C-alpha atoms as a PDB file:
ATOM      1  CA  MET A   1       5.714   0.494  -9.849  1.00  0.00           C
ATOM      2  CA  TYR A   2       2.313   0.039  -8.324  1.00  0.00           C
ATOM      3  CA  ASP A   3       0.100   3.163  -7.409  1.00  0.00           C
ATOM      4  CA  ILE A   4      -0.363   2.087  -3.911  1.00  0.00           C
ATOM      5  CA  ASP A   5       3.473   1.786  -3.616  1.00  0.00           C
ATOM      6  CA  VAL A   6       3.899   5.404  -4.614  1.00  0.00           C
ATOM      7  CA  ILE A   7       1.272   6.372  -1.954  1.00  0.00           C
ATOM      8  CA  TRP A   8       3.198   4.311   0.626  1.00  0.00           C
ATOM      9  CA  HIS A   9       6.564   5.740  -0.248  1.00  0.00           C
ATOM     10  CA  THR A  10       5.122   9.235  -0.039  1.00  0.00           C
ATOM     11  CA  HIS A  11       3.649   8.628   3.310  1.00  0.00           C
ATOM     12  CA  GLN A  12       7.022   7.469   4.513  1.00  0.00           C
ATOM     13  CA  LEU A  13       8.591  10.734   3.545  1.00  0.00           C
ATOM     14  CA  PHE A  14       7.084  12.002   6.753  1.00  0.00           C
ATOM     15  CA  PRO A  15       8.312   9.292   9.243  1.00  0.00           C
ATOM     16  CA  GLU A  16       6.753  10.740  12.374  1.00  0.00           C
ATOM     17  CA  VAL A  17       3.330  11.150  10.754  1.00  0.00           C
ATOM     18  CA  TYR A  18       3.713   7.571   9.223  1.00  0.00           C
ATOM     19  CA  ARG A  19       4.503   6.134  12.650  1.00  0.00           C
ATOM     20  CA  GLN A  20       1.638   7.928  14.303  1.00  0.00           C
ATOM     21  CA  ASP A  21      -0.790   6.811  11.495  1.00  0.00           C
ATOM     22  CA  MET A  22       0.425   3.221  11.728  1.00  0.00           C
ATOM     23  CA  MET A  23       0.071   3.170  15.546  1.00  0.00           C
ATOM     24  CA  ALA A  24      -3.457   4.708  15.425  1.00  0.00           C
ATOM     25  CA  ASN A  25      -4.685   2.276  12.777  1.00  0.00           C
ATOM     26  CA  LEU A  26      -2.710  -0.956  13.347  1.00  0.00           C
ATOM     27  CA  GLN A  27      -1.131  -0.551  16.746  1.00  0.00           C
ATOM     28  CA  HIS A  28       2.226  -1.225  15.266  1.00  0.00           C
ATOM     29  CA  VAL A  29       4.430   0.183  12.505  1.00  0.00           C
ATOM     30  CA  LEU A  30       4.106  -1.698   9.245  1.00  0.00           C
ATOM     31  CA  HIS A  31       7.535  -1.951   7.571  1.00  0.00           C
ATOM     32  CA  HIS A  32       7.793  -1.745   3.861  1.00  0.00           C
ATOM     33  CA  ASP A  33       9.560  -4.351   1.924  1.00  0.00           C
ATOM     34  CA  ASP A  34      10.921  -3.445  -1.450  1.00  0.00           C
ATOM     35  CA  THR A  35      12.867  -6.640  -2.161  1.00  0.00           C
ATOM     36  CA  THR A  36      10.161  -8.483  -3.927  1.00  0.00           C
ATOM     37  CA  GLN A  37      10.615  -8.298  -7.739  1.00  0.00           C
ATOM     38  CA  ASP A  38       8.121 -10.879  -8.988  1.00  0.00           C
ATOM     39  CA  ARG A  39       5.468  -8.870 -10.879  1.00  0.00           C
ATOM     40  CA  SER A  40       3.819 -11.797 -12.716  1.00  0.00           C
ATOM     41  CA  ALA A  41      -0.039 -11.889 -12.817  1.00  0.00           C
ATOM     42  CA  LYS A  42      -0.336 -14.362  -9.984  1.00  0.00           C
ATOM     43  CA  SER A  43       2.530 -13.161  -7.752  1.00  0.00           C
ATOM     44  CA  LYS A  44       1.859 -11.961  -4.162  1.00  0.00           C
ATOM     45  CA  LEU A  45       2.636  -8.359  -5.357  1.00  0.00           C
ATOM     46  CA  SER A  46       0.076  -8.448  -8.129  1.00  0.00           C
ATOM     47  CA  THR A  47      -2.483 -10.361  -6.023  1.00  0.00           C
ATOM     48  CA  SER A  48      -2.048  -7.776  -3.145  1.00  0.00           C
ATOM     49  CA  ASP A  49      -2.307  -4.835  -5.601  1.00  0.00           C
ATOM     50  CA  ASN A  50      -5.623  -6.212  -7.015  1.00  0.00           C
ATOM     51  CA  GLU A  51      -7.040  -6.697  -3.437  1.00  0.00           C
ATOM     52  CA  THR A  52      -5.918  -3.195  -2.473  1.00  0.00           C
ATOM     53  CA  ARG A  53      -7.611  -1.700  -5.552  1.00  0.00           C
ATOM     54  CA  ARG A  54     -10.900  -3.589  -4.634  1.00  0.00           C
ATOM     55  CA  LYS A  55     -10.685  -2.427  -1.031  1.00  0.00           C
ATOM     56  CA  TRP A  56      -9.895   1.205  -2.175  1.00  0.00           C
ATOM     57  CA  PHE A  57     -12.963   1.107  -4.427  1.00  0.00           C
ATOM     58  CA  ASP A  58     -15.185  -0.306  -1.623  1.00  0.00           C
ATOM     59  CA  LEU A  59     -14.044   2.374   0.788  1.00  0.00           C
ATOM     60  CA  TYR A  60     -13.943   5.421  -1.406  1.00  0.00           C
ATOM     61  CA  GLY A  61     -16.286   4.458  -4.285  1.00  0.00           C
ATOM     62  CA  ASP A  62     -13.600   5.425  -6.851  1.00  0.00           C
ATOM     63  CA  ARG A  63     -10.908   3.624  -8.619  1.00  0.00           C
ATOM     64  CA  LEU A  64      -7.281   3.905  -7.655  1.00  0.00           C
ATOM     65  CA  ALA A  65      -5.577   5.309 -10.757  1.00  0.00           C
ATOM     66  CA  LYS A  66      -3.662   2.692 -12.784  1.00  0.00           C
END
């Protein structure tokens, strides 16, 4: 499992807060798709994980745990 996926699932444990945060930041609720299983190095999942880690570092100045 990817670290950001754990964060996302944790956020979804509080559905009203999740909805409010999504509306405030994206103006729509971003639905989570757990059906993708391809975890190869060039998969969409792995590529997205790498991009998220880069953006996390740019925003917070710290690495997302791996």
